[in-house]
C-alpha atoms as a PDB file:
ATOM      1  CA  MET A   1     -11.919  20.264  11.197  1.00  0.00           C
ATOM      2  CA  ALA A   2     -14.439  17.479  10.544  1.00  0.00           C
ATOM      3  CA  VAL A   3     -15.459  16.883   6.945  1.00  0.00           C
ATOM      4  CA  THR A   4     -19.176  17.008   6.231  1.00  0.00           C
ATOM      5  CA  ARG A   5     -20.088  14.571   3.477  1.00  0.00           C
ATOM      6  CA  THR A   6     -23.209  12.955   2.126  1.00  0.00           C
ATOM      7  CA  PRO A   7     -23.049   9.189   2.586  1.00  0.00           C
ATOM      8  CA  LEU A   8     -23.198   7.451  -0.779  1.00  0.00           C
ATOM      9  CA  ARG A   9     -24.540   4.034  -1.694  1.00  0.00           C
ATOM     10  CA  LEU A  10     -21.470   2.207  -2.930  1.00  0.00           C
ATOM     11  CA  ILE A  11     -20.632  -1.121  -4.482  1.00  0.00           C
ATOM     12  CA  TYR A  12     -17.079  -2.224  -3.743  1.00  0.00           C
ATOM     13  CA  MET A  13     -15.272  -4.537  -6.154  1.00  0.00           C
ATOM     14  CA  GLY A  14     -11.906  -6.007  -5.170  1.00  0.00           C
ATOM     15  CA  THR A  15     -10.120  -9.265  -4.503  1.00  0.00           C
ATOM     16  CA  PRO A  16      -6.562  -9.252  -3.038  1.00  0.00           C
ATOM     17  CA  GLY A  17      -5.100  -7.705   0.087  1.00  0.00           C
ATOM     18  CA  PHE A  18      -4.277  -4.523  -1.837  1.00  0.00           C
ATOM     19  CA  ALA A  19      -8.007  -3.740  -1.979  1.00  0.00           C
ATOM     20  CA  VAL A  20      -8.795  -4.165   1.728  1.00  0.00           C
ATOM     21  CA  PRO A  21      -7.456  -0.827   3.118  1.00  0.00           C
ATOM     22  CA  ALA A  22      -9.596   1.247   0.738  1.00  0.00           C
ATOM     23  CA  LEU A  23     -12.716  -0.690   1.745  1.00  0.00           C
ATOM     24  CA  LYS A  24     -11.924   0.001   5.394  1.00  0.00           C
ATOM     25  CA  THR A  25     -11.460   3.701   4.636  1.00  0.00           C
ATOM     26  CA  LEU A  26     -14.774   3.973   2.770  1.00  0.00           C
ATOM     27  CA  ILE A  27     -16.594   2.409   5.712  1.00  0.00           C
ATOM     28  CA  ALA A  28     -14.826   4.716   8.173  1.00  0.00           C
ATOM     29  CA  ALA A  29     -15.799   7.715   6.004  1.00  0.00           C
ATOM     30  CA  GLY A  30     -19.467   6.865   6.561  1.00  0.00           C
ATOM     31  CA  HIS A  31     -20.377   5.544   3.122  1.00  0.00           C
ATOM     32  CA  ASP A  32     -22.939   2.768   2.796  1.00  0.00           C
ATOM     33  CA  ILE A  33     -21.355  -0.314   1.209  1.00  0.00           C
ATOM     34  CA  VAL A  34     -24.461  -2.036  -0.140  1.00  0.00           C
ATOM     35  CA  CYS A  35     -22.575  -4.960  -1.665  1.00  0.00           C
ATOM     36  CA  VAL A  36     -19.050  -6.259  -2.207  1.00  0.00           C
ATOM     37  CA  TYR A  37     -18.015  -8.083  -5.368  1.00  0.00           C
ATOM     38  CA  SER A  38     -14.971 -10.339  -5.303  1.00  0.00           C
ATOM     39  CA  GLN A  39     -13.585 -13.201  -7.325  1.00  0.00           C
ATOM     40  CA  PRO A  40     -14.868 -16.659  -6.340  1.00  0.00           C
ATOM     41  CA  PRO A  41     -13.088 -18.509  -3.522  1.00  0.00           C
ATOM     42  CA  ARG A  42     -10.109 -20.544  -4.705  1.00  0.00           C
ATOM     43  CA  ARG A  43      -8.843 -23.860  -3.466  1.00  0.00           C
ATOM     44  CA  ALA A  44      -5.542 -23.654  -1.615  1.00  0.00           C
ATOM     45  CA  GLY A  45      -3.467 -25.452   0.990  1.00  0.00           C
ATOM     46  CA  ARG A  46      -2.963 -29.153   1.600  1.00  0.00           C
ATOM     47  CA  GLY A  47      -6.651 -29.836   1.956  1.00  0.00           C
ATOM     48  CA  GLN A  48      -7.475 -27.828  -1.181  1.00  0.00           C
ATOM     49  CA  LYS A  49     -10.290 -26.105   0.657  1.00  0.00           C
ATOM     50  CA  ALA A  50     -12.023 -23.183  -0.999  1.00  0.00           C
ATOM     51  CA  ARG A  51     -10.773 -19.994   0.602  1.00  0.00           C
ATOM     52  CA  PRO A  52     -12.425 -16.593   0.227  1.00  0.00           C
ATOM     53  CA  SER A  53     -10.366 -13.696  -1.068  1.00  0.00           C
ATOM     54  CA  PRO A  54      -9.015 -11.179   1.466  1.00  0.00           C
ATOM     55  CA  VAL A  55     -11.728  -8.707   0.433  1.00  0.00           C
ATOM     56  CA  GLN A  56     -14.507 -11.267   0.805  1.00  0.00           C
ATOM     57  CA  ALA A  57     -13.172 -12.393   4.185  1.00  0.00           C
ATOM     58  CA  PHE A  58     -13.165  -8.786   5.417  1.00  0.00           C
ATOM     59  CA  ALA A  59     -16.666  -8.111   4.072  1.00  0.00           C
ATOM     60  CA  ASP A  60     -18.009 -11.310   5.597  1.00  0.00           C
ATOM     61  CA  ASP A  61     -16.581 -10.277   8.951  1.00  0.00           C
ATOM     62  CA  LYS A  62     -18.350  -6.918   8.683  1.00  0.00           C
ATOM     63  CA  GLY A  63     -21.649  -8.459   7.630  1.00  0.00           C
ATOM     64  CA  ILE A  64     -21.610  -6.863   4.177  1.00  0.00           C
ATOM     65  CA  PRO A  65     -23.366  -8.865   1.416  1.00  0.00           C
ATOM     66  CA  VAL A  66     -20.854 -10.432  -0.995  1.00  0.00           C
ATOM     67  CA  ARG A  67     -21.290 -11.672  -4.537  1.00  0.00           C
ATOM     68  CA  THR A  68     -18.654 -13.749  -6.309  1.00  0.00           C
ATOM     69  CA  PRO A  69     -19.729 -14.231  -9.942  1.00  0.00           C
ATOM     70  CA  LYS A  70     -17.312 -15.852 -12.373  1.00  0.00           C
ATOM     71  CA  SER A  71     -18.284 -13.269 -14.981  1.00  0.00           C
ATOM     72  CA  LEU A  72     -20.286 -10.054 -15.235  1.00  0.00           C
ATOM     73  CA  ARG A  73     -21.432 -10.663 -18.812  1.00  0.00           C
ATOM     74  CA  ASP A  74     -24.609 -12.530 -17.867  1.00  0.00           C
ATOM     75  CA  PRO A  75     -27.694 -10.273 -18.298  1.00  0.00           C
ATOM     76  CA  GLU A  76     -29.160 -11.551 -15.025  1.00  0.00           C
ATOM     77  CA  GLU A  77     -25.951 -10.645 -13.175  1.00  0.00           C
ATOM     78  CA  GLN A  78     -25.991  -7.200 -14.768  1.00  0.00           C
ATOM     79  CA  ALA A  79     -29.617  -6.703 -13.756  1.00  0.00           C
ATOM     80  CA  ALA A  80     -28.809  -7.677 -10.160  1.00  0.00           C
ATOM     81  CA  PHE A  81     -25.928  -5.181 -10.156  1.00  0.00           C
ATOM     82  CA  ALA A  82     -28.160  -2.368 -11.478  1.00  0.00           C
ATOM     83  CA  ALA A  83     -30.858  -3.226  -8.920  1.00  0.00           C
ATOM     84  CA  LEU A  84     -28.472  -2.257  -6.125  1.00  0.00           C
ATOM     85  CA  ASP A  85     -29.147   1.361  -7.192  1.00  0.00           C
ATOM     86  CA  ALA A  86     -25.631   2.483  -6.281  1.00  0.00           C
ATOM     87  CA  ASP A  87     -24.307   6.007  -6.502  1.00  0.00           C
ATOM     88  CA  ALA A  88     -20.902   4.637  -7.526  1.00  0.00           C
ATOM     89  CA  ALA A  89     -18.840   1.486  -7.707  1.00  0.00           C
ATOM     90  CA  VAL A  90     -15.273   1.559  -6.400  1.00  0.00           C
ATOM     91  CA  VAL A  91     -12.960  -0.965  -8.051  1.00  0.00           C
ATOM     92  CA  ALA A  92      -9.534  -2.039  -6.767  1.00  0.00           C
ATOM     93  CA  ALA A  93      -7.704  -5.025  -8.264  1.00  0.00           C
ATOM     94  CA  TYR A  94     -10.979  -6.842  -8.856  1.00  0.00           C
ATOM     95  CA  GLY A  95      -9.724  -9.050 -11.679  1.00  0.00           C
ATOM     96  CA  LEU A  96     -12.826  -9.263 -13.897  1.00  0.00           C
ATOM     97  CA  ILE A  97     -13.726  -7.226 -16.974  1.00  0.00           C
ATOM     98  CA  LEU A  98     -16.571  -4.773 -16.403  1.00  0.00           C
ATOM     99  CA  PRO A  99     -18.945  -4.712 -19.414  1.00  0.00           C
ATOM    100  CA  PRO A 100     -20.672  -1.458 -20.464  1.00  0.00           C
ATOM    101  CA  ALA A 101     -23.874  -2.368 -18.607  1.00  0.00           C
ATOM    102  CA  ILE A 102     -21.890  -2.548 -15.362  1.00  0.00           C
ATOM    103  CA  LEU A 103     -19.865   0.601 -16.027  1.00  0.00           C
ATOM    104  CA  GLU A 104     -22.990   2.633 -16.729  1.00  0.00           C
ATOM    105  CA  ALA A 105     -25.249   1.387 -13.931  1.00  0.00           C
ATOM    106  CA  PRO A 106     -24.120   3.545 -10.956  1.00  0.00           C
ATOM    107  CA  ARG A 107     -25.025   7.238 -10.946  1.00  0.00           C
ATOM    108  CA  PHE A 108     -21.367   8.346 -10.880  1.00  0.00           C
ATOM    109  CA  GLY A 109     -20.080   5.328 -12.775  1.00  0.00           C
ATOM    110  CA  CYS A 110     -17.200   3.094 -11.684  1.00  0.00           C
ATOM    111  CA  LEU A 111     -14.047   4.510 -10.088  1.00  0.00           C
ATOM    112  CA  ASN A 112     -10.830   2.496 -10.229  1.00  0.00           C
ATOM    113  CA  ILE A 113      -7.974   2.698  -7.722  1.00  0.00           C
ATOM    114  CA  HIS A 114      -4.930   2.041  -9.919  1.00  0.00           C
ATOM    115  CA  ALA A 115      -1.416   1.588  -8.565  1.00  0.00           C
ATOM    116  CA  SER A 116       0.485   3.864 -10.946  1.00  0.00           C
ATOM    117  CA  LEU A 117       0.515   7.398 -12.284  1.00  0.00           C
ATOM    118  CA  LEU A 118      -1.501   6.880 -15.444  1.00  0.00           C
ATOM    119  CA  PRO A 119      -0.951   6.716 -18.354  1.00  0.00           C
ATOM    120  CA  ARG A 120       2.338   5.114 -17.265  1.00  0.00           C
ATOM    121  CA  TRP A 121       1.974   1.440 -16.394  1.00  0.00           C
ATOM    122  CA  ARG A 122      -1.507   0.528 -17.451  1.00  0.00           C
ATOM    123  CA  GLY A 123      -2.168  -3.151 -16.882  1.00  0.00           C
ATOM    124  CA  ALA A 124      -1.650  -5.993 -14.448  1.00  0.00           C
ATOM    125  CA  ALA A 125       1.678  -5.418 -12.666  1.00  0.00           C
ATOM    126  CA  PRO A 126       2.318  -1.650 -12.394  1.00  0.00           C
ATOM    127  CA  ILE A 127       4.144  -1.819  -9.050  1.00  0.00           C
ATOM    128  CA  GLN A 128       6.752  -4.350 -10.151  1.00  0.00           C
ATOM    129  CA  ARG A 129       7.251  -2.874 -13.618  1.00  0.00           C
ATOM    130  CA  ALA A 130       7.876   0.601 -12.216  1.00  0.00           C
ATOM    131  CA  ILE A 131      10.649  -0.673  -9.934  1.00  0.00           C
ATOM    132  CA  LEU A 132      12.155  -2.897 -12.634  1.00  0.00           C
ATOM    133  CA  ALA A 133      12.276   0.003 -15.111  1.00  0.00           C
ATOM    134  CA  GLY A 134      14.136   2.215 -12.654  1.00  0.00           C
ATOM    135  CA  ASP A 135      11.313   4.737 -12.219  1.00  0.00           C
ATOM    136  CA  THR A 136      11.925   7.282  -9.468  1.00  0.00           C
ATOM    137  CA  GLN A 137       8.252   7.489  -8.552  1.00  0.00           C
ATOM    138  CA  SER A 138       5.023   5.554  -8.610  1.00  0.00           C
ATOM    139  CA  GLY A 139       1.657   6.555  -7.228  1.00  0.00           C
ATOM    140  CA  VAL A 140      -2.091   6.034  -7.074  1.00  0.00           C
ATOM    141  CA  THR A 141      -4.562   7.206  -9.695  1.00  0.00           C
ATOM    142  CA  ILE A 142      -8.323   7.396  -9.199  1.00  0.00           C
ATOM    143  CA  MET A 143      -9.732   6.820 -12.664  1.00  0.00           C
ATOM    144  CA  GLN A 144     -13.223   7.079 -14.118  1.00  0.00           C
ATOM    145  CA  MET A 145     -13.464   3.673 -15.776  1.00  0.00           C
ATOM    146  CA  ASP A 146     -14.345   3.126 -19.432  1.00  0.00           C
ATOM    147  CA  GLU A 147     -14.198   0.051 -21.655  1.00  0.00           C
ATOM    148  CA  GLY A 148     -10.455   0.293 -22.307  1.00  0.00           C
ATOM    149  CA  LEU A 149      -7.565  -1.144 -20.297  1.00  0.00           C
ATOM    150  CA  ASP A 150      -6.945   1.593 -17.708  1.00  0.00           C
ATOM    151  CA  THR A 151      -7.725   4.272 -20.303  1.00  0.00           C
ATOM    152  CA  GLY A 152     -10.391   6.257 -18.451  1.00  0.00           C
ATOM    153  CA  GLY A 153     -10.156   9.866 -17.380  1.00  0.00           C
ATOM    154  CA  VAL A 154      -8.154  10.765 -14.273  1.00  0.00           C
ATOM    155  CA  LEU A 155     -10.007  12.193 -11.285  1.00  0.00           C
ATOM    156  CA  LEU A 156      -7.128  12.429  -8.797  1.00  0.00           C
ATOM    157  CA  SER A 157      -3.602  11.113  -8.413  1.00  0.00           C
ATOM    158  CA  GLU A 158      -0.877  11.117  -5.775  1.00  0.00           C
ATOM    159  CA  ALA A 159       2.819  10.376  -6.320  1.00  0.00           C
ATOM    160  CA  VAL A 160       4.963   8.147  -4.110  1.00  0.00           C
ATOM    161  CA  PRO A 161       8.778   8.091  -4.457  1.00  0.00           C
ATOM    162  CA  ILE A 162      10.688   4.945  -5.384  1.00  0.00           C
ATOM    163  CA  THR A 163      14.057   4.760  -3.634  1.00  0.00           C
ATOM    164  CA  MET A 164      16.940   2.281  -3.679  1.00  0.00           C
ATOM    165  CA  GLU A 165      15.268   0.564  -0.704  1.00  0.00           C
ATOM    166  CA  THR A 166      11.810   0.278  -2.270  1.00  0.00           C
ATOM    167  CA  THR A 167      10.564  -3.264  -2.848  1.00  0.00           C
ATOM    168  CA  ALA A 168       7.359  -4.373  -4.492  1.00  0.00           C
ATOM    169  CA  SER A 169       6.152  -5.394  -1.039  1.00  0.00           C
ATOM    170  CA  ASN A 170       6.566  -2.044   0.703  1.00  0.00           C
ATOM    171  CA  LEU A 171       5.474  -0.048  -2.359  1.00  0.00           C
ATOM    172  CA  HIS A 172       2.351  -2.219  -2.523  1.00  0.00           C
ATOM    173  CA  ASP A 173       1.557  -1.383   1.101  1.00  0.00           C
ATOM    174  CA  ALA A 174       2.244   2.340   0.643  1.00  0.00           C
ATOM    175  CA  LEU A 175      -0.026   2.598  -2.404  1.00  0.00           C
ATOM    176  CA  ALA A 176      -2.757   0.499  -0.792  1.00  0.00           C
ATOM    177  CA  ALA A 177      -2.765   2.871   2.182  1.00  0.00           C
ATOM    178  CA  ARG A 178      -3.101   5.944  -0.045  1.00  0.00           C
ATOM    179  CA  GLY A 179      -5.842   4.577  -2.295  1.00  0.00           C
ATOM    180  CA  GLY A 180      -8.602   4.813   0.306  1.00  0.00           C
ATOM    181  CA  PRO A 181      -8.255   8.484   1.295  1.00  0.00           C
ATOM    182  CA  LEU A 182      -7.813   9.463  -2.355  1.00  0.00           C
ATOM    183  CA  VAL A 183     -10.961   7.683  -3.542  1.00  0.00           C
ATOM    184  CA  VAL A 184     -12.931   9.203  -0.641  1.00  0.00           C
ATOM    185  CA  GLU A 185     -11.755  12.634  -1.801  1.00  0.00           C
ATOM    186  CA  ALA A 186     -12.769  11.815  -5.371  1.00  0.00           C
ATOM    187  CA  LEU A 187     -16.238  10.701  -4.268  1.00  0.00           C
ATOM    188  CA  ASP A 188     -16.636  13.918  -2.267  1.00  0.00           C
ATOM    189  CA  GLY A 189     -15.771  15.922  -5.370  1.00  0.00           C
ATOM    190  CA  LEU A 190     -18.157  14.008  -7.608  1.00  0.00           C
ATOM    191  CA  ALA A 191     -21.003  14.303  -5.108  1.00  0.00           C
ATOM    192  CA  ALA A 192     -20.413  18.045  -4.760  1.00  0.00           C
ATOM    193  CA  GLY A 193     -20.087  18.549  -8.504  1.00  0.00           C
ATOM    194  CA  THR A 194     -16.623  20.086  -8.106  1.00  0.00           C
ATOM    195  CA  LEU A 195     -14.566  17.318  -9.723  1.00  0.00           C
ATOM    196  CA  LYS A 196     -14.465  16.127 -13.312  1.00  0.00           C
ATOM    197  CA  ALA A 197     -12.291  13.507 -14.969  1.00  0.00           C
ATOM    198  CA  THR A 198      -9.398  14.711 -17.132  1.00  0.00           C
ATOM    199  CA  PRO A 199      -8.621  12.616 -20.230  1.00  0.00           C
ATOM    200  CA  GLN A 200      -5.282  10.829 -20.094  1.00  0.00           C
ATOM    201  CA  PRO A 201      -2.577  12.203 -22.408  1.00  0.00           C
ATOM    202  CA  GLU A 202      -1.779  10.176 -25.499  1.00  0.00           C
ATOM    203  CA  THR A 203       1.955  10.359 -24.790  1.00  0.00           C
ATOM    204  CA  GLY A 204       3.774   8.469 -22.052  1.00  0.00           C
ATOM    205  CA  VAL A 205       1.648   5.320 -22.240  1.00  0.00           C
ATOM    206  CA  THR A 206       3.321   2.107 -21.053  1.00  0.00           C
ATOM    207  CA  TYR A 207       1.907  -1.334 -20.292  1.00  0.00           C
ATOM    208  CA  ALA A 208       2.691  -3.402 -17.223  1.00  0.00           C
ATOM    209  CA  GLU A 209       2.540  -6.989 -18.411  1.00  0.00           C
ATOM    210  CA  LYS A 210       1.505  -9.697 -15.965  1.00  0.00           C
ATOM    211  CA  LEU A 211       4.377 -11.287 -14.059  1.00  0.00           C
ATOM    212  CA  SER A 212       5.387 -14.863 -14.762  1.00  0.00           C
ATOM    213  CA  ARG A 213       7.012 -17.217 -12.268  1.00  0.00           C
ATOM    214  CA  ASP A 214      10.072 -17.691 -14.490  1.00  0.00           C
ATOM    215  CA  GLU A 215      10.874 -13.975 -14.571  1.00  0.00           C
ATOM    216  CA  GLY A 216      12.447 -14.323 -11.143  1.00  0.00           C
ATOM    217  CA  ARG A 217      15.416 -16.280 -12.512  1.00  0.00           C
ATOM    218  CA  LEU A 218      18.340 -13.855 -12.696  1.00  0.00           C
ATOM    219  CA  ASP A 219      20.272 -13.559 -15.936  1.00  0.00           C
ATOM    220  CA  TRP A 220      23.878 -12.644 -15.137  1.00  0.00           C
ATOM    221  CA  THR A 221      24.397 -11.322 -18.676  1.00  0.00           C
ATOM    222  CA  ARG A 222      22.290  -8.318 -17.698  1.00  0.00           C
ATOM    223  CA  PRO A 223      23.780  -5.236 -15.968  1.00  0.00           C
ATOM    224  CA  ALA A 224      24.068  -5.342 -12.178  1.00  0.00           C
ATOM    225  CA  PRO A 225      21.787  -2.290 -11.604  1.00  0.00           C
ATOM    226  CA  TYR A 226      19.003  -4.034 -13.508  1.00  0.00           C
ATOM    227  CA  LEU A 227      19.394  -7.213 -11.457  1.00  0.00           C
ATOM    228  CA  ALA A 228      19.373  -5.226  -8.213  1.00  0.00           C
ATOM    229  CA  ARG A 229      16.088  -3.681  -9.295  1.00  0.00           C
ATOM    230  CA  ALA A 230      14.775  -7.132 -10.218  1.00  0.00           C
ATOM    231  CA  VAL A 231      15.477  -8.362  -6.679  1.00  0.00           C
ATOM    232  CA  ARG A 232      13.404  -5.486  -5.280  1.00  0.00           C
ATOM    233  CA  ALA A 233      10.680  -5.731  -7.935  1.00  0.00           C
ATOM    234  CA  PHE A 234      10.172  -9.476  -7.459  1.00  0.00           C
ATOM    235  CA  THR A 235       9.930  -9.345  -3.647  1.00  0.00           C
ATOM    236  CA  PRO A 236       7.811 -11.118  -2.492  1.00  0.00           C
ATOM    237  CA  TRP A 237       6.611 -12.748  -5.750  1.00  0.00           C
ATOM    238  CA  PRO A 238       7.818 -14.454  -7.856  1.00  0.00           C
ATOM    239  CA  GLY A 239      11.077 -13.921  -5.979  1.00  0.00           C
ATOM    240  CA  ALA A 240      14.514 -13.431  -7.549  1.00  0.00           C
ATOM    241  CA  TRP A 241      16.589 -16.615  -7.666  1.00  0.00           C
ATOM    242  CA  PHE A 242      19.412 -18.593  -9.235  1.00  0.00           C
ATOM    243  CA  GLU A 243      20.340 -22.255  -9.368  1.00  0.00           C
ATOM    244  CA  HIS A 244      23.476 -24.092  -8.254  1.00  0.00           C
ATOM    245  CA  ASP A 245      23.883 -27.873  -8.451  1.00  0.00           C
ATOM    246  CA  GLY A 246      20.125 -28.288  -8.701  1.00  0.00           C
ATOM    247  CA  ALA A 247      19.399 -26.132  -5.646  1.00  0.00           C
ATOM    248  CA  ARG A 248      17.290 -22.994  -6.051  1.00  0.00           C
ATOM    249  CA  ILE A 249      18.588 -20.071  -4.007  1.00  0.00           C
ATOM    250  CA  LYS A 250      16.337 -17.062  -3.506  1.00  0.00           C
ATOM    251  CA  ILE A 251      17.770 -13.557  -3.204  1.00  0.00           C
ATOM    252  CA  LEU A 252      15.953 -11.227  -0.825  1.00  0.00           C
ATOM    253  CA  GLU A 253      18.432  -8.337  -0.707  1.00  0.00           C
ATOM    254  CA  ALA A 254      21.318  -7.334  -2.952  1.00  0.00           C
ATOM    255  CA  CYS A 255      23.381  -4.297  -3.910  1.00  0.00           C
ATOM    256  CA  VAL A 256      25.542  -3.200  -6.822  1.00  0.00           C
ATOM    257  CA  GLU A 257      29.316  -3.459  -6.519  1.00  0.00           C
ATOM    258  CA  SER A 258      32.241  -2.791  -8.842  1.00  0.00           C
ATOM    259  CA  GLY A 259      33.923  -5.809 -10.356  1.00  0.00           C
ATOM    260  CA  SER A 260      34.501  -7.568 -13.637  1.00  0.00           C
ATOM    261  CA  ALA A 261      34.614 -11.183 -14.775  1.00  0.00           C
ATOM    262  CA  THR A 262      32.677 -13.603 -16.934  1.00  0.00           C
ATOM    263  CA  PRO A 263      28.994 -13.041 -16.109  1.00  0.00           C
ATOM    264  CA  GLY A 264      27.875 -15.447 -13.392  1.00  0.00           C
ATOM    265  CA  THR A 265      31.315 -15.762 -11.796  1.00  0.00           C
ATOM    266  CA  ILE A 266      31.545 -15.421  -8.020  1.00  0.00           C
ATOM    267  CA  ILE A 267      34.430 -12.966  -7.630  1.00  0.00           C
ATOM    268  CA  ASP A 268      35.029 -12.878  -3.858  1.00  0.00           C
ATOM    269  CA  ASP A 269      34.206 -14.511  -0.530  1.00  0.00           C
ATOM    270  CA  ARG A 270      31.255 -12.147   0.111  1.00  0.00           C
ATOM    271  CA  LEU A 271      28.978 -13.690  -2.522  1.00  0.00           C
ATOM    272  CA  THR A 272      29.532 -11.028  -5.160  1.00  0.00           C
ATOM    273  CA  ILE A 273      28.606 -12.156  -8.679  1.00  0.00           C
ATOM    274  CA  ALA A 274      29.901 -10.639 -11.904  1.00  0.00           C
ATOM    275  CA  CYS A 275      27.314  -9.331 -14.362  1.00  0.00           C
ATOM    276  CA  SER A 276      27.619  -7.924 -17.878  1.00  0.00           C
ATOM    277  CA  GLU A 277      28.215  -4.537 -16.244  1.00  0.00           C
ATOM    278  CA  GLY A 278      29.434  -4.379 -12.656  1.00  0.00           C
ATOM    279  CA  ALA A 279      28.627  -7.005 -10.053  1.00  0.00           C
ATOM    280  CA  LEU A 280      25.770  -7.926  -7.744  1.00  0.00           C
ATOM    281  CA  ARG A 281      26.562  -8.566  -4.083  1.00  0.00           C
ATOM    282  CA  LEU A 282      24.010 -10.811  -2.415  1.00  0.00           C
ATOM    283  CA  LEU A 283      23.112  -9.637   1.094  1.00  0.00           C
ATOM    284  CA  THR A 284      20.249 -11.895   2.176  1.00  0.00           C
ATOM    285  CA  VAL A 285      19.500 -15.275   0.623  1.00  0.00           C
ATOM    286  CA  GLN A 286      17.270 -18.258   1.260  1.00  0.00           C
ATOM    287  CA  ARG A 287      17.482 -21.910   0.263  1.00  0.00           C
ATOM    288  CA  SER A 288      14.278 -23.808  -0.369  1.00  0.00           C
ATOM    289  CA  GLY A 289      12.773 -24.925   2.920  1.00  0.00           C
ATOM    290  CA  ARG A 290      15.250 -22.901   4.985  1.00  0.00           C
ATOM    291  CA  ALA A 291      15.128 -19.582   6.798  1.00  0.00           C
ATOM    292  CA  ALA A 292      16.487 -16.437   5.177  1.00  0.00           C
ATOM    293  CA  VAL A 293      20.061 -15.627   6.267  1.00  0.00           C
ATOM    294  CA  ASP A 294      22.766 -13.085   5.520  1.00  0.00           C
ATOM    295  CA  ALA A 295      25.420 -14.004   2.965  1.00  0.00           C
ATOM    296  CA  GLU A 296      28.106 -14.683   5.565  1.00  0.00           C
ATOM    297  CA  SER A 297      25.912 -17.166   7.429  1.00  0.00           C
ATOM    298  CA  PHE A 298      24.848 -18.763   4.165  1.00  0.00           C
ATOM    299  CA  LEU A 299      28.436 -19.368   3.052  1.00  0.00           C
ATOM    300  CA  ARG A 300      29.290 -21.048   6.344  1.00  0.00           C
ATOM    301  CA  GLY A 301      26.784 -23.772   5.530  1.00  0.00           C
ATOM    302  CA  TYR A 302      26.885 -23.857   1.727  1.00  0.00           C
ATOM    303  CA  ASP A 303      29.973 -24.122  -0.465  1.00  0.00           C
ATOM    304  CA  LEU A 304      30.066 -21.383  -3.104  1.00  0.00           C
ATOM    305  CA  PRO A 305      33.727 -20.343  -3.351  1.00  0.00           C
ATOM    306  CA  ALA A 306      35.170 -17.570  -5.466  1.00  0.00           C
ATOM    307  CA  GLY A 307      35.667 -18.717  -9.032  1.00  0.00           C
ATOM    308  CA  THR A 308      32.397 -20.671  -9.171  1.00  0.00           C
ATOM    309  CA  VAL A 309      30.487 -19.869 -12.368  1.00  0.00           C
ATOM    310  CA  LEU A 310      26.724 -19.865 -11.965  1.00  0.00           C
ATOM    311  CA  PRO A 311      24.408 -20.784 -14.842  1.00  0.00           C
END
């Protein structure tokens, strides 16, 4: 049965690939995207050419006006935002702080698509932190934004399981795909007057700190289950890795095995490494500048015999 909805005037605010599917869904639902906000193009590649964000590139292709301010604190920028006369702003991984004048300008305020089940994992890296902590589920929350860090009231949420095969990459894609339909449903409810935000509980709050590049280096003095989760949480970035004789070796897949030795010791000919508890068997690895290969193929071309102790 077709859904009858009133098209809304929307501002869309997002930057990375995570935010593109929801923008596509809003357009397909018939809403009028009057403007897209994204972070300014950044220089990348050998030529250091300025490249638009994935959201800007998509909007440009669709002929949607795009603004890329460095900040939203300028009164003139805030006035231009208010002049768009939007019913709502939808925000997904935008990357800039929204001052009160921005939050209050649209008729229904600003709705955020957040990649966790709030209040768990407020902050910058909810997908990776959920996997690293051993959570059994993640999800998408549609939040009515306020001035706090992901503290606004919850409009809707949807859970997604985290399994032993879940990586940050495939969880990212699963949550990105669910964000669009969920925010469309939330907008329908707001427009019809049938949906109100529920304040977040004060218990169960956790913060997902931003990832650093160095976090990908595996510490063999940690338990093997933690390191297995780290491999999945840090795929694709910053990547889980270790060093041997100055070479950095990236781990793309790994599993927990039984075994005991000094942490960092390779204990067999299958690239199984002792940890503080149990052992981590490396399944798929990649040397810098080389293709990813399975452990057996890797060991045919790289000498890492049993008894080697890794740093």
